[in-house]
Each structure stands twice: as structure tokens, then as C-alpha cells.
Amino acid sequence: MNTQLSRRLFLAGATVAAGASALPRTVFAQAAAPAAPAGPFALPQLGYAFNALEPHIDAMTMEIHSQRHHGAFITNLNNFAKDHGVLAKGSIPKLLAEWQQLPEAIRVGAKNSLGGHANHTMFWQIMTPGGAKAPEGDLKAAIDRDLGGFDKLKADFNGAGGRVFGSGWVFVTVAKDGKLAIVAKPNQDTPLMDGQMVLFGNDVWEHAYYLKYQNRRADYLANWWNVANWSKIGERYAAAKAGKLEV
């Protein structure tokens, strides 16, 4: 590519980027999800505006992350389901636990998209504007018993998330007896693939934080606790002990 053409492309890209940065944040808060092919899978509603988690997670990241990235998993799954009805017949935890039995033609793609759908559906649920108090009751007791208390949970969870090489997630899992553990997974893998239940987790793919934090994953992990919804996480803990927690 010659130097003059490279300069024109650079200037054009800079103009587009400048225009995008000048858009009001309410645009992102009101953006609609792109249309997905009809099928058994649907993009869940956030329950809050894209800019509601600021300043900890910015509006543009939330719009792109929830609508485009999660939306792509929905599109993939509905396309797979057109020719492979097995995807519409089982629960997401069951499909993930038995993903190696899926038709070979879609096995890896369906596993990745099912994991992405499950992980993100959980993720949107366990965040809220301004956060929602601290762990209490049975959940607090479990954190104290199994994870050394709330401060140690945060330190160990952030450490595990920071050590994920490349893209992945960090989770707190919950057993049927209520015991908690911290586990990290690469890519869109999930403890559901191991037959475990997920209490909560944080996304450490760069698309979850890069627009605001660039390469400062540690800052993102530290700030994320400000939007954790402990009321919802407590509900998930009770559902897990009752054997009713899905994703």
C-alpha cells in the first residue's frame, strides 16, 4: 500500500473514531440488538441501561459486549439449530455437560457458543447499577468458611482472573452442599461443562474492558466489585443449594 493511500485511510479512520466519541452516551443506552435468526435461543434483556454501570464499565463496552458479542452466540446457536434439533431439546447445563456427544459437524462451534451464551447470561444477572450491598446470611457464611472471608475472596478471585492467559473467565462455583471454590477457564469454557454450578463470574476477555482500561486488566478486576449484585448472587446461592440453579 503506498504512503499517500495509507495516510488517507488513517485520516478517515480518525474522523470516524472522533465522531463516535462525540456521540451522547444515551445513544448507547438506547441502541437495539441486531436482528438474530429465529430459533430456540434468544438474547436476554439486561434489565438496566448500557450506561448504568458507569464509571466502572462504560456504555459503549456494555452495548458492544451485550448486543454484538453475546448476540453473535445467539445467531450461531440458532443457525446450528436449523439443522441440528438436538440443541433445542436439552437444557443449557445438560448440553454443555454432554457437549462431546453433540453432532461432530457443530460440536466445537456449538460448545463455544453455548458456553458464551451461558457465561454472559449469568454475567448480566449478577451486576447492578451502584452494586447491591455486601454478601450476607448463608452466602456470607459460606464465603467465610470456604474462601477465607470477603477480602480474601476478592484478592484470590482477582488474582485468578489476572493469571488467565489471553481470554477467559474467572468463576466462583457452588456445590450442591453449598461449598464454594474459585476456578478460572479459558475462552468461553464454563464449569457447567464439568457438571458444576456457577455462583458468579467475571469476564476477562479484552472486549469486556479494553475500551476503558486498555491493558489494565487488574484495574478492571478491582473496579468490577463496585457493580456486583450481592442480592442476586445470594438468590443464586439459595437456588444452587435447592438444586434449581441453571446458568
C-alpha atoms as a PDB file:
ATOM      1  CA  MET A   1       0.000   0.000   0.000  1.00  0.00           C
ATOM      2  CA  ASN A   2       1.520   3.395  -0.929  1.00  0.00           C
ATOM      3  CA  THR A   3       2.161   6.126   1.639  1.00  0.00           C
ATOM      4  CA  GLN A   4      -0.488   8.515   0.304  1.00  0.00           C
ATOM      5  CA  LEU A   5      -3.226   5.882   0.425  1.00  0.00           C
ATOM      6  CA  SER A   6      -2.164   4.817   3.936  1.00  0.00           C
ATOM      7  CA  ARG A   7      -2.416   8.438   5.090  1.00  0.00           C
ATOM      8  CA  ARG A   8      -5.930   8.794   3.600  1.00  0.00           C
ATOM      9  CA  LEU A   9      -7.102   5.633   5.348  1.00  0.00           C
ATOM     10  CA  PHE A  10      -5.627   6.775   8.639  1.00  0.00           C
ATOM     11  CA  LEU A  11      -7.315  10.171   8.420  1.00  0.00           C
ATOM     12  CA  ALA A  12     -10.653   8.577   7.504  1.00  0.00           C
ATOM     13  CA  GLY A  13     -10.450   6.197  10.445  1.00  0.00           C
ATOM     14  CA  ALA A  14      -9.540   9.018  12.809  1.00  0.00           C
ATOM     15  CA  THR A  15     -12.556  11.037  11.618  1.00  0.00           C
ATOM     16  CA  VAL A  16     -14.923   8.118  12.232  1.00  0.00           C
ATOM     17  CA  ALA A  17     -13.437   7.467  15.672  1.00  0.00           C
ATOM     18  CA  ALA A  18     -13.719  11.140  16.625  1.00  0.00           C
ATOM     19  CA  GLY A  19     -17.331  11.226  15.519  1.00  0.00           C
ATOM     20  CA  ALA A  20     -18.157   8.117  17.523  1.00  0.00           C
ATOM     21  CA  SER A  21     -16.538   9.517  20.656  1.00  0.00           C
ATOM     22  CA  ALA A  22     -18.644  12.667  20.318  1.00  0.00           C
ATOM     23  CA  LEU A  23     -21.945  10.779  20.355  1.00  0.00           C
ATOM     24  CA  PRO A  24     -24.007  11.209  23.528  1.00  0.00           C
ATOM     25  CA  ARG A  25     -23.955   8.251  25.870  1.00  0.00           C
ATOM     26  CA  THR A  26     -27.720   7.960  25.693  1.00  0.00           C
ATOM     27  CA  VAL A  27     -27.303   6.671  22.144  1.00  0.00           C
ATOM     28  CA  PHE A  28     -25.591   3.593  23.543  1.00  0.00           C
ATOM     29  CA  ALA A  29     -28.144   3.265  26.297  1.00  0.00           C
ATOM     30  CA  GLN A  30     -30.935   3.083  23.713  1.00  0.00           C
ATOM     31  CA  ALA A  31     -29.295   1.004  20.994  1.00  0.00           C
ATOM     32  CA  ALA A  32     -31.224  -2.052  19.818  1.00  0.00           C
ATOM     33  CA  ALA A  33     -29.784  -5.511  19.421  1.00  0.00           C
ATOM     34  CA  PRO A  34     -29.146  -6.598  15.833  1.00  0.00           C
ATOM     35  CA  ALA A  35     -31.743  -8.974  14.475  1.00  0.00           C
ATOM     36  CA  ALA A  36     -30.890 -12.631  15.077  1.00  0.00           C
ATOM     37  CA  PRO A  37     -32.251 -15.559  13.089  1.00  0.00           C
ATOM     38  CA  ALA A  38     -35.361 -17.127  14.573  1.00  0.00           C
ATOM     39  CA  GLY A  39     -34.764 -20.163  16.727  1.00  0.00           C
ATOM     40  CA  PRO A  40     -34.845 -21.569  20.252  1.00  0.00           C
ATOM     41  CA  PHE A  41     -32.224 -19.167  21.627  1.00  0.00           C
ATOM     42  CA  ALA A  42     -32.820 -15.508  22.472  1.00  0.00           C
ATOM     43  CA  LEU A  43     -30.694 -12.640  23.721  1.00  0.00           C
ATOM     44  CA  PRO A  44     -31.653 -11.868  27.334  1.00  0.00           C
ATOM     45  CA  GLN A  45     -32.553  -8.359  28.424  1.00  0.00           C
ATOM     46  CA  LEU A  46     -30.004  -6.586  30.603  1.00  0.00           C
ATOM     47  CA  GLY A  47     -32.515  -5.060  32.978  1.00  0.00           C
ATOM     48  CA  TYR A  48     -30.579  -1.768  33.036  1.00  0.00           C
ATOM     49  CA  ALA A  49     -29.314   0.800  30.524  1.00  0.00           C
ATOM     50  CA  PHE A  50     -25.948   0.383  28.838  1.00  0.00           C
ATOM     51  CA  ASN A  51     -24.567   3.385  30.730  1.00  0.00           C
ATOM     52  CA  ALA A  52     -25.935   2.296  34.120  1.00  0.00           C
ATOM     53  CA  LEU A  53     -22.696   0.676  35.311  1.00  0.00           C
ATOM     54  CA  GLU A  54     -20.529   3.723  34.719  1.00  0.00           C
ATOM     55  CA  PRO A  55     -17.952   4.791  35.712  1.00  0.00           C
ATOM     56  CA  HIS A  56     -16.793   1.217  36.318  1.00  0.00           C
ATOM     57  CA  ILE A  57     -17.970  -0.220  32.972  1.00  0.00           C
ATOM     58  CA  ASP A  58     -18.593   2.250  30.166  1.00  0.00           C
ATOM     59  CA  ALA A  59     -21.690   2.460  27.992  1.00  0.00           C
ATOM     60  CA  MET A  60     -20.000   1.622  24.696  1.00  0.00           C
ATOM     61  CA  THR A  61     -18.414  -1.508  26.147  1.00  0.00           C
ATOM     62  CA  MET A  62     -21.777  -2.656  27.508  1.00  0.00           C
ATOM     63  CA  GLU A  63     -23.536  -2.011  24.185  1.00  0.00           C
ATOM     64  CA  ILE A  64     -20.938  -3.849  22.126  1.00  0.00           C
ATOM     65  CA  HIS A  65     -20.452  -6.634  24.662  1.00  0.00           C
ATOM     66  CA  SER A  66     -24.084  -7.452  25.338  1.00  0.00           C
ATOM     67  CA  GLN A  67     -25.578  -6.867  21.915  1.00  0.00           C
ATOM     68  CA  ARG A  68     -22.841  -7.805  19.451  1.00  0.00           C
ATOM     69  CA  HIS A  69     -20.666 -10.346  21.249  1.00  0.00           C
ATOM     70  CA  HIS A  70     -23.488 -12.112  23.079  1.00  0.00           C
ATOM     71  CA  GLY A  71     -25.709 -11.597  20.058  1.00  0.00           C
ATOM     72  CA  ALA A  72     -23.209 -13.474  17.890  1.00  0.00           C
ATOM     73  CA  PHE A  73     -23.517 -16.542  20.126  1.00  0.00           C
ATOM     74  CA  ILE A  74     -27.312 -16.424  19.739  1.00  0.00           C
ATOM     75  CA  THR A  75     -27.007 -16.143  15.957  1.00  0.00           C
ATOM     76  CA  ASN A  76     -24.588 -19.066  15.830  1.00  0.00           C
ATOM     77  CA  LEU A  77     -26.769 -21.271  18.026  1.00  0.00           C
ATOM     78  CA  ASN A  78     -29.955 -20.587  16.068  1.00  0.00           C
ATOM     79  CA  ASN A  79     -28.134 -21.293  12.807  1.00  0.00           C
ATOM     80  CA  PHE A  80     -26.798 -24.576  14.224  1.00  0.00           C
ATOM     81  CA  ALA A  81     -30.281 -25.481  15.487  1.00  0.00           C
ATOM     82  CA  LYS A  82     -31.790 -25.225  11.992  1.00  0.00           C
ATOM     83  CA  ASP A  83     -30.138 -28.496  11.021  1.00  0.00           C
ATOM     84  CA  HIS A  84     -29.479 -29.984  14.453  1.00  0.00           C
ATOM     85  CA  GLY A  85     -32.628 -30.074  16.537  1.00  0.00           C
ATOM     86  CA  VAL A  86     -30.779 -31.620  19.463  1.00  0.00           C
ATOM     87  CA  LEU A  87     -29.806 -28.089  20.508  1.00  0.00           C
ATOM     88  CA  ALA A  88     -33.433 -27.231  21.153  1.00  0.00           C
ATOM     89  CA  LYS A  89     -34.171 -30.336  23.209  1.00  0.00           C
ATOM     90  CA  GLY A  90     -31.868 -30.090  26.207  1.00  0.00           C
ATOM     91  CA  SER A  91     -31.215 -27.531  28.914  1.00  0.00           C
ATOM     92  CA  ILE A  92     -28.077 -25.435  28.516  1.00  0.00           C
ATOM     93  CA  PRO A  93     -26.317 -27.084  31.514  1.00  0.00           C
ATOM     94  CA  LYS A  94     -27.104 -30.546  30.129  1.00  0.00           C
ATOM     95  CA  LEU A  95     -25.952 -29.636  26.614  1.00  0.00           C
ATOM     96  CA  LEU A  96     -22.700 -28.247  27.991  1.00  0.00           C
ATOM     97  CA  ALA A  97     -22.080 -31.184  30.318  1.00  0.00           C
ATOM     98  CA  GLU A  98     -22.566 -33.520  27.337  1.00  0.00           C
ATOM     99  CA  TRP A  99     -21.104 -31.323  24.604  1.00  0.00           C
ATOM    100  CA  GLN A 100     -18.793 -34.073  23.346  1.00  0.00           C
ATOM    101  CA  GLN A 101     -21.898 -36.014  22.319  1.00  0.00           C
ATOM    102  CA  LEU A 102     -23.141 -33.228  20.029  1.00  0.00           C
ATOM    103  CA  PRO A 103     -23.024 -33.872  16.261  1.00  0.00           C
ATOM    104  CA  GLU A 104     -19.422 -33.689  15.099  1.00  0.00           C
ATOM    105  CA  ALA A 105     -20.142 -31.067  12.444  1.00  0.00           C
ATOM    106  CA  ILE A 106     -21.170 -28.495  15.059  1.00  0.00           C
ATOM    107  CA  ARG A 107     -19.538 -29.874  18.203  1.00  0.00           C
ATOM    108  CA  VAL A 108     -16.839 -27.296  18.834  1.00  0.00           C
ATOM    109  CA  GLY A 109     -18.792 -24.327  17.495  1.00  0.00           C
ATOM    110  CA  ALA A 110     -21.883 -25.215  19.497  1.00  0.00           C
ATOM    111  CA  LYS A 111     -19.817 -25.788  22.649  1.00  0.00           C
ATOM    112  CA  ASN A 112     -18.180 -22.376  22.299  1.00  0.00           C
ATOM    113  CA  SER A 113     -21.461 -20.581  21.615  1.00  0.00           C
ATOM    114  CA  LEU A 114     -23.364 -22.432  24.347  1.00  0.00           C
ATOM    115  CA  GLY A 115     -20.601 -21.559  26.793  1.00  0.00           C
ATOM    116  CA  GLY A 116     -20.612 -17.934  25.678  1.00  0.00           C
ATOM    117  CA  HIS A 117     -24.406 -17.750  25.989  1.00  0.00           C
ATOM    118  CA  ALA A 118     -24.391 -19.328  29.469  1.00  0.00           C
ATOM    119  CA  ASN A 119     -21.483 -17.230  30.738  1.00  0.00           C
ATOM    120  CA  HIS A 120     -22.919 -13.933  29.544  1.00  0.00           C
ATOM    121  CA  THR A 121     -26.469 -14.683  30.675  1.00  0.00           C
ATOM    122  CA  MET A 122     -25.063 -15.215  34.168  1.00  0.00           C
ATOM    123  CA  PHE A 123     -22.839 -12.141  33.896  1.00  0.00           C
ATOM    124  CA  TRP A 124     -25.631  -9.679  33.097  1.00  0.00           C
ATOM    125  CA  GLN A 125     -27.666 -11.036  36.011  1.00  0.00           C
ATOM    126  CA  ILE A 126     -25.055 -10.553  38.694  1.00  0.00           C
ATOM    127  CA  MET A 127     -24.323  -6.865  38.045  1.00  0.00           C
ATOM    128  CA  THR A 128     -26.403  -3.855  39.006  1.00  0.00           C
ATOM    129  CA  PRO A 129     -26.038  -0.053  38.983  1.00  0.00           C
ATOM    130  CA  GLY A 130     -24.193   1.046  42.095  1.00  0.00           C
ATOM    131  CA  GLY A 131     -23.716  -2.503  43.328  1.00  0.00           C
ATOM    132  CA  ALA A 132     -26.042  -4.068  45.870  1.00  0.00           C
ATOM    133  CA  LYS A 133     -24.616  -4.261  49.414  1.00  0.00           C
ATOM    134  CA  ALA A 134     -22.230  -6.975  50.594  1.00  0.00           C
ATOM    135  CA  PRO A 135     -22.718 -10.714  50.989  1.00  0.00           C
ATOM    136  CA  GLU A 136     -24.867 -11.614  53.967  1.00  0.00           C
ATOM    137  CA  GLY A 137     -26.622 -14.542  55.582  1.00  0.00           C
ATOM    138  CA  ASP A 138     -25.858 -18.034  54.314  1.00  0.00           C
ATOM    139  CA  LEU A 139     -23.760 -16.672  51.433  1.00  0.00           C
ATOM    140  CA  LYS A 140     -21.522 -14.659  53.744  1.00  0.00           C
ATOM    141  CA  ALA A 141     -21.121 -17.688  55.994  1.00  0.00           C
ATOM    142  CA  ALA A 142     -20.104 -19.828  53.012  1.00  0.00           C
ATOM    143  CA  ILE A 143     -17.596 -17.217  51.832  1.00  0.00           C
ATOM    144  CA  ASP A 144     -16.098 -17.034  55.322  1.00  0.00           C
ATOM    145  CA  ARG A 145     -15.985 -20.833  55.630  1.00  0.00           C
ATOM    146  CA  ASP A 146     -14.722 -21.818  52.172  1.00  0.00           C
ATOM    147  CA  LEU A 147     -12.897 -18.771  50.809  1.00  0.00           C
ATOM    148  CA  GLY A 148     -11.413 -17.134  53.896  1.00  0.00           C
ATOM    149  CA  GLY A 149     -13.733 -14.137  54.051  1.00  0.00           C
ATOM    150  CA  PHE A 150     -14.827 -11.416  51.657  1.00  0.00           C
ATOM    151  CA  ASP A 151     -11.486  -9.595  51.371  1.00  0.00           C
ATOM    152  CA  LYS A 152      -9.605 -12.818  50.670  1.00  0.00           C
ATOM    153  CA  LEU A 153     -12.259 -13.840  48.128  1.00  0.00           C
ATOM    154  CA  LYS A 154     -11.726 -10.590  46.230  1.00  0.00           C
ATOM    155  CA  ALA A 155      -7.938 -10.887  46.329  1.00  0.00           C
ATOM    156  CA  ASP A 156      -7.907 -14.533  45.232  1.00  0.00           C
ATOM    157  CA  PHE A 157     -10.603 -14.022  42.591  1.00  0.00           C
ATOM    158  CA  ASN A 158      -8.777 -11.027  41.115  1.00  0.00           C
ATOM    159  CA  GLY A 159      -5.518 -12.947  41.188  1.00  0.00           C
ATOM    160  CA  ALA A 160      -7.044 -15.889  39.334  1.00  0.00           C
ATOM    161  CA  GLY A 161      -8.590 -13.542  36.772  1.00  0.00           C
ATOM    162  CA  GLY A 162      -5.299 -11.748  36.270  1.00  0.00           C
ATOM    163  CA  ARG A 163      -3.495 -15.039  35.619  1.00  0.00           C
ATOM    164  CA  VAL A 164      -5.822 -16.115  32.805  1.00  0.00           C
ATOM    165  CA  PHE A 165      -3.579 -16.208  29.743  1.00  0.00           C
ATOM    166  CA  GLY A 166      -5.275 -14.495  26.834  1.00  0.00           C
ATOM    167  CA  SER A 167      -9.060 -14.713  27.020  1.00  0.00           C
ATOM    168  CA  GLY A 168     -11.281 -16.414  29.553  1.00  0.00           C
ATOM    169  CA  TRP A 169     -13.312 -16.181  32.730  1.00  0.00           C
ATOM    170  CA  VAL A 170     -12.890 -16.458  36.487  1.00  0.00           C
ATOM    171  CA  PHE A 171     -15.731 -18.052  38.451  1.00  0.00           C
ATOM    172  CA  VAL A 172     -16.902 -18.951  41.904  1.00  0.00           C
ATOM    173  CA  THR A 173     -18.543 -22.365  41.724  1.00  0.00           C
ATOM    174  CA  VAL A 174     -21.035 -23.755  44.204  1.00  0.00           C
ATOM    175  CA  ALA A 175     -21.577 -27.422  45.001  1.00  0.00           C
ATOM    176  CA  LYS A 176     -24.931 -28.943  45.950  1.00  0.00           C
ATOM    177  CA  ASP A 177     -23.877 -28.865  49.591  1.00  0.00           C
ATOM    178  CA  GLY A 178     -23.154 -25.131  49.292  1.00  0.00           C
ATOM    179  CA  LYS A 179     -19.356 -25.351  49.220  1.00  0.00           C
ATOM    180  CA  LEU A 180     -17.658 -22.594  47.210  1.00  0.00           C
ATOM    181  CA  ALA A 181     -14.488 -22.657  45.100  1.00  0.00           C
ATOM    182  CA  ILE A 182     -12.682 -20.322  42.692  1.00  0.00           C
ATOM    183  CA  VAL A 183     -11.872 -21.620  39.210  1.00  0.00           C
ATOM    184  CA  ALA A 184     -10.619 -19.988  36.005  1.00  0.00           C
ATOM    185  CA  LYS A 185     -11.484 -21.173  32.495  1.00  0.00           C
ATOM    186  CA  PRO A 186     -10.095 -20.282  29.054  1.00  0.00           C
ATOM    187  CA  ASN A 187     -12.109 -18.878  26.170  1.00  0.00           C
ATOM    188  CA  GLN A 188     -15.871 -19.437  26.680  1.00  0.00           C
ATOM    189  CA  ASP A 189     -15.444 -22.631  28.671  1.00  0.00           C
ATOM    190  CA  THR A 190     -17.560 -22.851  31.808  1.00  0.00           C
ATOM    191  CA  PRO A 191     -17.741 -25.031  34.929  1.00  0.00           C
ATOM    192  CA  LEU A 192     -21.094 -26.206  33.564  1.00  0.00           C
ATOM    193  CA  MET A 193     -19.034 -28.381  31.207  1.00  0.00           C
ATOM    194  CA  ASP A 194     -17.738 -30.199  34.285  1.00  0.00           C
ATOM    195  CA  GLY A 195     -21.210 -30.632  35.754  1.00  0.00           C
ATOM    196  CA  GLN A 196     -20.618 -27.834  38.273  1.00  0.00           C
ATOM    197  CA  MET A 197     -22.839 -24.857  39.103  1.00  0.00           C
ATOM    198  CA  VAL A 198     -21.685 -21.254  38.706  1.00  0.00           C
ATOM    199  CA  LEU A 199     -22.434 -18.848  41.539  1.00  0.00           C
ATOM    200  CA  PHE A 200     -20.928 -15.843  39.743  1.00  0.00           C
ATOM    201  CA  GLY A 201     -18.072 -14.970  37.433  1.00  0.00           C
ATOM    202  CA  ASN A 202     -16.226 -12.178  35.691  1.00  0.00           C
ATOM    203  CA  ASP A 203     -15.334 -11.916  32.024  1.00  0.00           C
ATOM    204  CA  VAL A 204     -11.637 -11.247  31.370  1.00  0.00           C
ATOM    205  CA  TRP A 205     -11.807 -11.239  27.590  1.00  0.00           C
ATOM    206  CA  GLU A 206     -10.376  -7.931  26.385  1.00  0.00           C
ATOM    207  CA  HIS A 207     -13.727  -6.967  24.844  1.00  0.00           C
ATOM    208  CA  ALA A 208     -15.114  -6.758  28.407  1.00  0.00           C
ATOM    209  CA  TYR A 209     -12.790  -3.933  29.456  1.00  0.00           C
ATOM    210  CA  TYR A 210     -10.338  -2.748  26.790  1.00  0.00           C
ATOM    211  CA  LEU A 211     -12.140   0.423  25.643  1.00  0.00           C
ATOM    212  CA  LYS A 212     -11.928   1.865  29.156  1.00  0.00           C
ATOM    213  CA  TYR A 213      -8.993   0.090  30.777  1.00  0.00           C
ATOM    214  CA  GLN A 214      -6.796  -0.844  27.774  1.00  0.00           C
ATOM    215  CA  ASN A 215      -4.269  -3.389  29.093  1.00  0.00           C
ATOM    216  CA  ARG A 216      -5.005  -2.648  32.764  1.00  0.00           C
ATOM    217  CA  ARG A 217      -6.929  -5.831  33.498  1.00  0.00           C
ATOM    218  CA  ALA A 218      -6.071  -5.587  37.193  1.00  0.00           C
ATOM    219  CA  ASP A 219      -7.828  -2.205  37.439  1.00  0.00           C
ATOM    220  CA  TYR A 220     -10.911  -3.612  35.720  1.00  0.00           C
ATOM    221  CA  LEU A 221     -11.000  -6.597  38.083  1.00  0.00           C
ATOM    222  CA  ALA A 222     -10.647  -4.342  41.132  1.00  0.00           C
ATOM    223  CA  ASN A 223     -13.365  -1.928  39.983  1.00  0.00           C
ATOM    224  CA  TRP A 224     -15.791  -4.652  38.935  1.00  0.00           C
ATOM    225  CA  TRP A 225     -16.733  -5.327  42.572  1.00  0.00           C
ATOM    226  CA  ASN A 226     -18.459  -1.936  42.626  1.00  0.00           C
ATOM    227  CA  VAL A 227     -21.225  -3.293  40.381  1.00  0.00           C
ATOM    228  CA  ALA A 228     -21.575  -6.802  41.836  1.00  0.00           C
ATOM    229  CA  ASN A 229     -25.199  -7.532  42.737  1.00  0.00           C
ATOM    230  CA  TRP A 230     -24.985  -9.411  46.037  1.00  0.00           C
ATOM    231  CA  SER A 231     -28.740  -9.638  46.338  1.00  0.00           C
ATOM    232  CA  LYS A 232     -28.881 -11.574  43.072  1.00  0.00           C
ATOM    233  CA  ILE A 233     -25.819 -13.649  43.923  1.00  0.00           C
ATOM    234  CA  GLY A 234     -27.469 -14.557  47.218  1.00  0.00           C
ATOM    235  CA  GLU A 235     -30.556 -15.704  45.298  1.00  0.00           C
ATOM    236  CA  ARG A 236     -28.349 -17.809  43.055  1.00  0.00           C
ATOM    237  CA  TYR A 237     -26.708 -19.371  46.099  1.00  0.00           C
ATOM    238  CA  ALA A 238     -30.085 -20.365  47.541  1.00  0.00           C
ATOM    239  CA  ALA A 239     -31.171 -21.759  44.149  1.00  0.00           C
ATOM    240  CA  ALA A 240     -27.951 -23.787  43.874  1.00  0.00           C
ATOM    241  CA  LYS A 241     -28.467 -25.391  47.274  1.00  0.00           C
ATOM    242  CA  ALA A 242     -32.054 -26.216  46.261  1.00  0.00           C
ATOM    243  CA  GLY A 243     -30.789 -27.792  43.030  1.00  0.00           C
ATOM    244  CA  LYS A 244     -32.611 -25.215  40.894  1.00  0.00           C
ATOM    245  CA  LEU A 245     -29.764 -23.045  39.550  1.00  0.00           C
ATOM    246  CA  GLU A 246     -29.436 -23.222  35.756  1.00  0.00           C
ATOM    247  CA  VAL A 247     -26.869 -20.902  34.195  1.00  0.00           C
END
